[in-house]
Amino acid sequence: MKKILAIFLLTIFIVSALPCVSAGFAVNGQTSASVVKAEQQWQWGWWRRDRTAPIVEILSPVGGATVSETIIINASATDNVEVKTVEYRIDIGTWIKMSYVGDSTYEAEWDTKTVYDGGHTITVKATDTSNNVGDDSITVTTDNGITPPPPTATHELFIEIDYMEGHAPTQAVLDYVEWYYMGNNPSGDLINATFYVDDVVPLDPSVSDTDFWAIEAVYNDLGNDAYGTGDAVFGTDGVYSSKWKWVLYGTTVEGAPNVVGYTYVVIARVGWTYDLLAGNYIFIADKTADTWAAANGIQPYGAEAVVLMHEMGHSIGIAKLDSRGREVYDPDKYSVMSYLSTANAGKYWAWYYSAAYWATRNMDYYKVG
């Protein structure tokens, strides 16, 4: 079946005054967005649905501890109604059910020899009878003399970042993204993502589409993805499938004060379905993200990490699209592919793609060699 290709602009939106907004979408750079109220819904009857999450605390081991051999993970979980299940996982592994041992306490054995030596995150989550979820996480260091072999990348990305004065990327965030892509993602893919922080661009208080492409024409000078140079996969509309990606850190999107980032992408229509193939040319509205973070008690690098990982996800094909080709945000509010919120931005140094959305990536374009 013939694939119909089109160039679209995907955006991630935020509103500081409201918990959520609609999934904005744009074609040929013309942004359209509508604000949607996030209202509490009542169930029919005389009572209101329980929305209180369980309270979880990992009792042992303690965060920062060095562990070896087989240990007991012990946690407490309480709820205003009733705890249904308590589970744990190591890093981003499979959830494993814990056993109830009395007095709101649960435990499970973990053989630390099943992982390489080094830092690992233990997360315990409790689900109540209304499916509210609470969790707690700690990091421990395993020491069993099991040294991981040096990883060999199977895929590679080269990301050039140019930035406006006062809006340089946070190096620690770039380091985290490199670490996450190199084997610490849901599939364990070994993606060598290398960032090149390059040119300082003159400050522009708001960036229009015309401004964006004018800056790209001057400053996108690394790699082979200068716009319009041709592309073996997608023709002359831009090098969207290139291993090189271009990112501009700037201020705000002109005429769209709630947009914190966007990516130009190529989608294919096959029958009645759509697939996001690849993307390039990313804008991070750093000033807008910083303003939102300050208004919501979030560290600015938290918002930056979510927006960067969201848009980078689009650049390698991560997205779910509806029957009209519009982005469907991840229902997992902690995922970077969801709306920007205090839930995902506040997961400092634990930002992640959900397995369901990570599975939509298209990595064939980025194989090493």
Protein backbone atom coordinates (compact mmCIF):
# COMPACT_ATOMS: atom_id res chain seq x y z
CA MET A 1 0.00 0.00 0.00
CA LYS A 2 1.35 3.38 -0.96
CA LYS A 3 2.60 5.60 1.85
CA ILE A 4 1.54 9.24 1.76
CA LEU A 5 4.13 11.46 3.41
CA ALA A 6 3.43 14.84 4.94
CA ILE A 7 5.45 17.27 6.98
CA PHE A 8 3.82 18.31 10.24
CA LEU A 9 4.74 20.26 13.32
CA LEU A 10 4.13 18.56 16.66
CA THR A 11 3.98 20.65 19.79
CA ILE A 12 3.87 20.01 23.51
CA PHE A 13 1.73 22.47 25.43
CA ILE A 14 1.50 23.74 28.99
CA VAL A 15 -0.74 26.12 30.85
CA SER A 16 0.39 27.31 34.23
CA ALA A 17 -3.12 28.12 35.42
CA LEU A 18 -4.73 24.81 34.41
CA PRO A 19 -3.66 21.20 35.01
CA CYS A 20 -3.98 20.21 31.34
CA VAL A 21 -4.74 21.49 27.89
CA SER A 22 -5.66 19.94 24.60
CA ALA A 23 -3.12 18.23 22.39
CA GLY A 24 -2.11 21.08 20.13
CA PHE A 25 -1.29 20.33 16.52
CA ALA A 26 0.03 22.40 13.66
CA VAL A 27 0.44 22.08 9.95
CA ASN A 28 3.04 24.09 8.04
CA GLY A 29 3.95 25.93 11.21
CA GLN A 30 0.48 27.37 11.92
CA THR A 31 -0.25 26.37 15.50
CA SER A 32 -3.78 25.62 16.63
CA ALA A 33 -4.59 24.92 20.25
CA SER A 34 -7.57 25.04 22.52
CA VAL A 35 -7.62 25.03 26.28
CA VAL A 36 -9.62 22.28 27.95
CA LYS A 37 -10.72 22.40 31.58
CA ALA A 38 -9.57 19.51 33.75
CA GLU A 39 -12.64 18.94 35.86
CA GLN A 40 -13.19 16.47 38.66
CA GLN A 41 -15.86 13.97 37.68
CA TRP A 42 -18.47 12.63 40.01
CA GLN A 43 -19.78 9.10 39.98
CA TRP A 44 -23.52 8.58 40.09
CA GLY A 45 -24.75 7.91 43.61
CA TRP A 46 -24.41 9.44 47.01
CA TRP A 47 -20.63 9.15 47.25
CA ARG A 48 -17.63 10.45 45.44
CA ARG A 49 -14.90 8.26 43.95
CA ASP A 50 -11.88 7.79 46.19
CA ARG A 51 -8.96 9.74 44.70
CA THR A 52 -6.51 9.47 47.59
CA ALA A 53 -3.34 7.57 46.67
CA PRO A 54 -1.72 5.11 49.06
CA ILE A 55 1.26 6.29 51.12
CA VAL A 56 4.36 4.18 50.51
CA GLU A 57 7.68 4.18 52.35
CA ILE A 58 10.63 1.90 51.72
CA LEU A 59 11.87 0.83 55.15
CA SER A 60 14.87 -1.21 54.09
CA PRO A 61 17.37 -1.08 52.63
CA VAL A 62 18.04 2.58 53.23
CA GLY A 63 18.78 4.91 50.36
CA GLY A 64 22.47 5.15 49.56
CA ALA A 65 23.31 1.77 51.08
CA THR A 66 25.75 -0.69 49.50
CA VAL A 67 24.22 -4.15 49.22
CA SER A 68 25.28 -7.60 48.08
CA GLU A 69 23.99 -11.17 47.78
CA THR A 70 20.24 -11.58 48.51
CA ILE A 71 18.52 -8.87 50.53
CA ILE A 72 15.02 -8.22 51.83
CA ILE A 73 13.14 -5.21 50.50
CA ASN A 74 10.75 -4.05 53.19
CA ALA A 75 8.13 -1.34 52.73
CA SER A 76 5.02 0.04 54.39
CA ALA A 77 1.88 0.90 52.46
CA THR A 78 -1.24 2.49 53.91
CA ASP A 79 -4.41 3.85 52.36
CA ASN A 80 -7.51 5.70 53.49
CA VAL A 81 -9.65 2.81 52.18
CA GLU A 82 -7.71 -0.35 51.34
CA VAL A 83 -4.43 -1.34 49.70
CA LYS A 84 -5.00 -3.87 46.92
CA THR A 85 -1.47 -4.72 45.74
CA VAL A 86 2.12 -3.75 46.53
CA GLU A 87 4.86 -4.35 43.97
CA TYR A 88 8.53 -3.51 43.49
CA ARG A 89 10.87 -3.23 40.56
CA ILE A 90 14.58 -2.66 40.03
CA ASP A 91 15.43 0.22 37.71
CA ILE A 92 12.90 0.01 34.85
CA GLY A 93 12.38 -3.74 35.11
CA THR A 94 9.25 -5.83 35.59
CA TRP A 95 6.94 -5.15 38.54
CA ILE A 96 7.04 -8.03 41.08
CA LYS A 97 4.40 -8.56 43.75
CA MET A 98 5.46 -8.22 47.40
CA SER A 99 4.13 -10.33 50.28
CA TYR A 100 2.10 -8.90 53.15
CA VAL A 101 3.75 -9.61 56.50
CA GLY A 102 1.42 -7.70 58.80
CA ASP A 103 1.04 -4.20 60.27
CA SER A 104 0.79 -2.54 56.82
CA THR A 105 4.21 -3.96 55.91
CA TYR A 106 5.25 -5.84 52.79
CA GLU A 107 8.48 -7.55 51.80
CA ALA A 108 10.24 -9.36 48.98
CA GLU A 109 13.64 -10.92 48.33
CA TRP A 110 15.98 -9.44 45.75
CA ASP A 111 19.04 -11.31 44.52
CA THR A 112 21.42 -8.43 43.85
CA LYS A 113 23.68 -10.75 41.83
CA THR A 114 21.14 -10.51 38.97
CA VAL A 115 22.43 -7.02 38.13
CA TYR A 116 25.82 -5.51 37.45
CA ASP A 117 27.67 -3.67 40.19
CA GLY A 118 26.73 -0.04 40.50
CA GLY A 119 23.80 2.20 41.28
CA HIS A 120 20.27 0.79 40.98
CA THR A 121 16.87 2.23 41.78
CA ILE A 122 14.37 0.31 43.90
CA THR A 123 10.79 1.48 43.42
CA VAL A 124 7.84 0.21 45.44
CA LYS A 125 4.31 1.08 44.36
CA ALA A 126 0.98 0.41 46.03
CA THR A 127 -2.39 0.31 44.27
CA ASP A 128 -5.62 0.73 46.21
CA THR A 129 -9.07 -0.66 45.42
CA SER A 130 -9.88 2.47 43.38
CA ASN A 131 -6.67 2.01 41.34
CA ASN A 132 -4.97 5.05 42.86
CA VAL A 133 -1.20 4.51 42.91
CA GLY A 134 1.43 5.74 45.35
CA ASP A 135 5.14 4.97 45.23
CA ASP A 136 8.52 5.48 46.82
CA SER A 137 12.01 5.06 45.35
CA ILE A 138 15.54 4.80 46.67
CA THR A 139 18.91 4.20 45.05
CA VAL A 140 21.39 1.61 46.32
CA THR A 141 24.77 0.40 45.11
CA THR A 142 25.31 -3.30 44.46
CA ASP A 143 28.75 -4.80 45.09
CA ASN A 144 29.14 -8.45 44.08
CA GLY A 145 32.21 -8.27 41.89
CA ILE A 146 30.07 -8.34 38.74
CA THR A 147 31.50 -5.70 36.43
CA PRO A 148 29.46 -4.79 33.36
CA PRO A 149 31.24 -5.09 30.01
CA PRO A 150 31.78 -1.87 28.10
CA PRO A 151 28.63 -1.28 26.05
CA THR A 152 28.87 -1.24 22.28
CA ALA A 153 26.39 1.08 20.64
CA THR A 154 24.10 -0.37 17.99
CA HIS A 155 22.59 3.01 17.06
CA GLU A 156 23.89 6.57 17.08
CA LEU A 157 22.54 10.11 17.15
CA PHE A 158 24.41 13.40 16.87
CA ILE A 159 22.55 16.40 18.24
CA GLU A 160 23.75 19.91 17.49
CA ILE A 161 22.43 22.47 19.95
CA ASP A 162 22.58 26.19 19.25
CA TYR A 163 21.16 28.48 21.91
CA MET A 164 20.13 32.06 22.45
CA GLU A 165 21.99 34.20 24.96
CA GLY A 166 21.00 33.23 28.49
CA HIS A 167 19.38 29.96 27.43
CA ALA A 168 22.21 27.46 27.31
CA PRO A 169 21.22 23.83 27.88
CA THR A 170 21.88 22.27 31.29
CA GLN A 171 24.88 19.97 30.91
CA ALA A 172 23.63 17.59 33.60
CA VAL A 173 20.38 17.12 31.65
CA LEU A 174 22.32 16.32 28.47
CA ASP A 175 24.44 13.84 30.42
CA TYR A 176 21.29 12.18 31.75
CA VAL A 177 19.77 11.85 28.28
CA GLU A 178 22.99 10.31 26.95
CA TRP A 179 22.97 7.85 29.87
CA TYR A 180 19.30 6.99 29.39
CA TYR A 181 19.62 6.35 25.66
CA MET A 182 22.71 4.17 26.16
CA GLY A 183 21.06 1.04 27.50
CA ASN A 184 18.94 2.52 30.29
CA ASN A 185 15.69 2.74 28.32
CA PRO A 186 12.75 0.28 28.32
CA SER A 187 14.23 -1.97 25.61
CA GLY A 188 17.86 -1.65 26.66
CA ASP A 189 18.74 -0.20 23.23
CA LEU A 190 22.36 0.95 23.05
CA ILE A 191 21.92 4.35 21.43
CA ASN A 192 25.00 6.56 21.51
CA ALA A 193 23.46 10.05 21.66
CA THR A 194 26.17 12.70 21.47
CA PHE A 195 25.37 16.37 22.06
CA TYR A 196 27.37 19.18 20.49
CA VAL A 197 26.64 22.51 22.20
CA ASP A 198 27.73 24.82 19.42
CA ASP A 199 26.81 28.43 18.66
CA VAL A 200 25.37 31.29 20.70
CA VAL A 201 22.50 32.89 18.79
CA PRO A 202 21.47 36.54 19.30
CA LEU A 203 18.58 36.87 21.73
CA ASP A 204 15.09 37.10 20.22
CA PRO A 205 12.23 37.62 22.73
CA SER A 206 9.83 35.56 20.62
CA VAL A 207 10.57 33.19 17.75
CA SER A 208 8.31 32.95 14.71
CA ASP A 209 8.53 30.23 12.07
CA THR A 210 10.38 32.68 9.85
CA ASP A 211 12.84 33.44 12.65
CA PHE A 212 13.37 29.75 13.34
CA TRP A 213 14.26 28.83 9.77
CA ALA A 214 16.41 31.95 9.32
CA ILE A 215 18.44 30.92 12.40
CA GLU A 216 18.66 27.34 11.16
CA ALA A 217 20.01 28.51 7.80
CA VAL A 218 22.89 30.36 9.48
CA TYR A 219 23.74 28.23 12.51
CA ASN A 220 22.97 24.61 11.61
CA ASP A 221 26.50 23.96 10.44
CA LEU A 222 27.43 20.53 11.82
CA GLY A 223 26.60 17.21 10.23
CA ASN A 224 24.57 16.69 7.08
CA ASP A 225 21.11 17.90 8.05
CA ALA A 226 20.99 21.49 6.81
CA TYR A 227 17.39 22.05 5.76
CA GLY A 228 16.64 21.47 2.07
CA THR A 229 19.86 19.60 1.23
CA GLY A 230 17.95 16.46 0.26
CA ASP A 231 17.23 13.19 1.93
CA ALA A 232 17.42 9.68 0.52
CA VAL A 233 14.32 8.60 2.46
CA PHE A 234 12.08 11.65 2.45
CA GLY A 235 13.20 13.59 -0.60
CA THR A 236 14.14 17.28 -0.55
CA ASP A 237 11.80 18.44 2.22
CA GLY A 238 14.55 18.13 4.79
CA VAL A 239 16.90 15.61 6.31
CA TYR A 240 14.45 14.22 8.84
CA SER A 241 15.94 10.72 8.96
CA SER A 242 19.53 11.92 9.37
CA LYS A 243 21.51 10.76 12.39
CA TRP A 244 22.22 14.46 12.88
CA LYS A 245 19.48 16.46 14.60
CA TRP A 246 19.38 20.22 15.06
CA VAL A 247 18.01 21.82 18.23
CA LEU A 248 17.54 25.50 19.02
CA TYR A 249 17.20 26.58 22.65
CA GLY A 250 15.37 29.90 22.68
CA THR A 251 12.85 32.07 24.45
CA THR A 252 9.17 31.82 23.49
CA VAL A 253 7.10 30.84 20.47
CA GLU A 254 5.67 33.96 18.85
CA GLY A 255 1.91 34.10 19.30
CA ALA A 256 1.83 30.89 21.37
CA PRO A 257 2.85 31.66 24.97
CA ASN A 258 1.89 28.18 26.19
CA VAL A 259 4.05 26.19 23.77
CA VAL A 260 7.25 24.86 25.32
CA GLY A 261 8.63 22.93 22.37
CA TYR A 262 8.02 21.58 18.89
CA THR A 263 9.53 19.28 16.29
CA TYR A 264 9.03 19.05 12.54
CA VAL A 265 8.19 15.43 11.70
CA VAL A 266 7.34 13.18 8.78
CA ILE A 267 4.29 10.96 9.14
CA ALA A 268 3.12 8.21 6.80
CA ARG A 269 -0.47 7.29 6.14
CA VAL A 270 -1.16 3.64 5.35
CA GLY A 271 -4.85 3.01 4.91
CA TRP A 272 -6.61 4.59 7.89
CA THR A 273 -3.60 4.60 10.20
CA TYR A 274 -0.67 6.96 10.69
CA ASP A 275 2.91 6.45 11.77
CA LEU A 276 5.44 9.09 12.76
CA LEU A 277 8.57 8.05 10.88
CA ALA A 278 11.20 10.56 12.01
CA GLY A 279 11.75 14.20 12.82
CA ASN A 280 14.27 17.00 13.02
CA TYR A 281 14.52 20.74 13.63
CA ILE A 282 13.54 21.07 17.28
CA PHE A 283 12.74 24.25 19.19
CA ILE A 284 12.95 24.36 23.00
CA ALA A 285 11.09 27.41 24.33
CA ASP A 286 13.40 27.62 27.32
CA LYS A 287 12.05 30.89 28.70
CA THR A 288 8.47 29.61 28.60
CA ALA A 289 9.52 26.36 30.30
CA ASP A 290 11.44 28.27 32.99
CA THR A 291 8.44 30.51 33.66
CA TRP A 292 6.15 27.50 33.99
CA ALA A 293 8.62 25.73 36.30
CA ALA A 294 8.91 28.75 38.61
CA ALA A 295 5.11 29.07 38.83
CA ASN A 296 4.75 25.39 39.73
CA GLY A 297 7.61 24.94 42.21
CA ILE A 298 9.68 22.84 39.80
CA GLN A 299 13.41 23.13 39.20
CA PRO A 300 13.92 24.61 35.71
CA TYR A 301 16.06 21.69 34.62
CA GLY A 302 13.09 19.38 35.35
CA ALA A 303 10.93 21.09 32.75
CA GLU A 304 13.88 21.29 30.36
CA ALA A 305 14.52 17.55 30.61
CA VAL A 306 10.90 16.61 29.88
CA VAL A 307 10.61 18.96 26.89
CA LEU A 308 13.96 17.91 25.41
CA MET A 309 13.25 14.18 25.83
CA HIS A 310 9.71 14.61 24.46
CA GLU A 311 10.90 16.36 21.32
CA MET A 312 13.91 14.06 20.88
CA GLY A 313 11.44 11.19 21.11
CA HIS A 314 9.56 12.59 18.13
CA SER A 315 12.83 12.88 16.21
CA ILE A 316 13.28 9.07 16.39
CA GLY A 317 9.64 8.30 15.67
CA ILE A 318 8.17 8.06 19.17
CA ALA A 319 4.49 9.01 19.09
CA LYS A 320 0.97 7.66 18.96
CA LEU A 321 -1.33 9.35 16.47
CA ASP A 322 -5.10 9.36 16.21
CA SER A 323 -7.16 8.69 13.07
CA ARG A 324 -6.51 12.26 11.89
CA GLY A 325 -2.76 12.12 12.44
CA ARG A 326 -2.81 14.18 15.65
CA GLU A 327 -0.60 13.41 18.61
CA VAL A 328 -2.09 11.32 21.43
CA TYR A 329 -0.27 12.11 24.66
CA ASP A 330 0.88 9.28 26.91
CA PRO A 331 -1.76 8.56 29.60
CA ASP A 332 1.12 7.78 31.98
CA LYS A 333 1.46 11.26 33.50
CA TYR A 334 5.00 10.52 34.68
CA SER A 335 6.21 9.74 31.15
CA VAL A 336 8.02 12.44 29.17
CA MET A 337 5.60 11.73 26.29
CA SER A 338 2.69 12.97 28.39
CA TYR A 339 1.80 16.64 28.87
CA LEU A 340 4.41 18.68 30.70
CA SER A 341 3.32 18.58 34.34
CA THR A 342 4.68 18.59 37.86
CA ALA A 343 4.34 14.79 37.77
CA ASN A 344 6.92 14.19 35.03
CA ALA A 345 9.05 17.32 35.43
CA GLY A 346 9.39 16.57 39.16
CA LYS A 347 10.88 13.10 38.62
CA TYR A 348 14.37 14.52 38.94
CA TRP A 349 17.01 12.30 37.33
CA ALA A 350 14.40 9.58 36.81
CA TRP A 351 12.67 10.96 33.69
CA TYR A 352 11.58 8.20 31.37
CA TYR A 353 9.65 7.04 28.30
CA SER A 354 6.90 4.53 29.06
CA ALA A 355 7.44 1.13 27.47
CA ALA A 356 4.28 1.51 25.38
CA TYR A 357 5.46 4.74 23.77
CA TRP A 358 9.13 3.76 23.53
CA ALA A 359 7.95 0.78 21.44
CA THR A 360 6.82 3.19 18.68
CA ARG A 361 10.38 4.34 17.91
CA ASN A 362 11.80 3.85 14.39
CA MET A 363 15.49 3.12 14.84
CA ASP A 364 16.42 1.61 11.44
CA TYR A 365 17.66 5.00 10.24
CA TYR A 366 20.16 5.28 13.10
CA LYS A 367 22.08 2.01 13.02
CA VAL A 368 25.83 2.27 13.51
CA GLY A 369 27.74 1.87 10.28
